[in-house]
């Protein structure tokens, strides 16, 4: 199996969830969206779907 590089942005995850939740009749606040995005990112790490890479600036 070959590896591909995927960049996961928690802000993008939050935006995706916001649009999906609003479409389904929910109106989450910004803090709730950030928590959902962080949980989603942690889930992907836990399931070994992604690896966290820390950038050194």
Protein backbone atom coordinates (compact mmCIF):
# COMPACT_ATOMS: atom_id res chain seq x y z
CA UNK A 1 0.00 0.00 0.00
CA UNK A 2 1.39 3.40 -0.83
CA UNK A 3 1.20 6.48 1.33
CA UNK A 4 -0.40 9.74 0.30
CA UNK A 5 -0.07 13.07 2.03
CA UNK A 6 -3.30 14.48 3.41
CA UNK A 7 -3.51 17.75 5.28
CA UNK A 8 -6.26 17.93 7.90
CA UNK A 9 -7.24 21.42 9.06
CA UNK A 10 -9.40 21.60 12.17
CA UNK A 11 -10.82 24.94 10.99
CA UNK A 12 -11.97 23.22 7.82
CA UNK A 13 -13.49 20.40 9.89
CA UNK A 14 -15.34 22.97 12.04
CA UNK A 15 -16.69 24.71 8.94
CA UNK A 16 -17.84 21.40 7.46
CA UNK A 17 -19.66 20.44 10.67
CA UNK A 18 -21.21 23.90 10.93
CA UNK A 19 -22.74 23.66 7.45
CA UNK A 20 -23.91 20.09 7.99
CA UNK A 21 -25.43 20.81 11.41
CA UNK A 22 -27.22 23.96 10.16
CA UNK A 23 -28.55 22.00 7.19
CA UNK A 24 -29.98 19.49 9.68
CA UNK A 25 -31.57 22.16 11.85
CA UNK A 26 -28.92 22.67 14.55
CA UNK A 27 -27.15 25.94 15.28
CA UNK A 28 -23.88 25.25 17.12
CA UNK A 29 -21.78 28.04 18.56
CA UNK A 30 -18.10 28.58 17.74
CA UNK A 31 -16.84 26.87 20.91
CA UNK A 32 -18.93 23.76 20.21
CA UNK A 33 -17.61 23.60 16.65
CA UNK A 34 -14.00 23.84 17.83
CA UNK A 35 -14.62 20.97 20.25
CA UNK A 36 -16.22 18.85 17.52
CA UNK A 37 -13.29 19.55 15.19
CA UNK A 38 -10.75 18.63 17.88
CA UNK A 39 -12.63 15.44 18.74
CA UNK A 40 -12.78 14.49 15.05
CA UNK A 41 -9.05 15.08 14.66
CA UNK A 42 -8.29 13.01 17.76
CA UNK A 43 -10.55 10.23 16.46
CA UNK A 44 -8.64 10.11 13.17
CA UNK A 45 -5.36 9.92 15.11
CA UNK A 46 -6.70 7.22 17.42
CA UNK A 47 -7.84 5.06 14.50
CA UNK A 48 -4.45 5.52 12.79
CA UNK A 49 -6.13 7.11 9.79
CA UNK A 50 -3.75 10.04 10.05
CA UNK A 51 -0.42 10.79 11.73
CA UNK A 52 0.18 14.10 13.42
CA UNK A 53 3.14 15.98 12.05
CA UNK A 54 4.37 18.98 14.01
CA UNK A 55 5.84 21.80 11.91
CA UNK A 56 8.95 23.48 13.23
CA UNK A 57 8.88 27.15 12.32
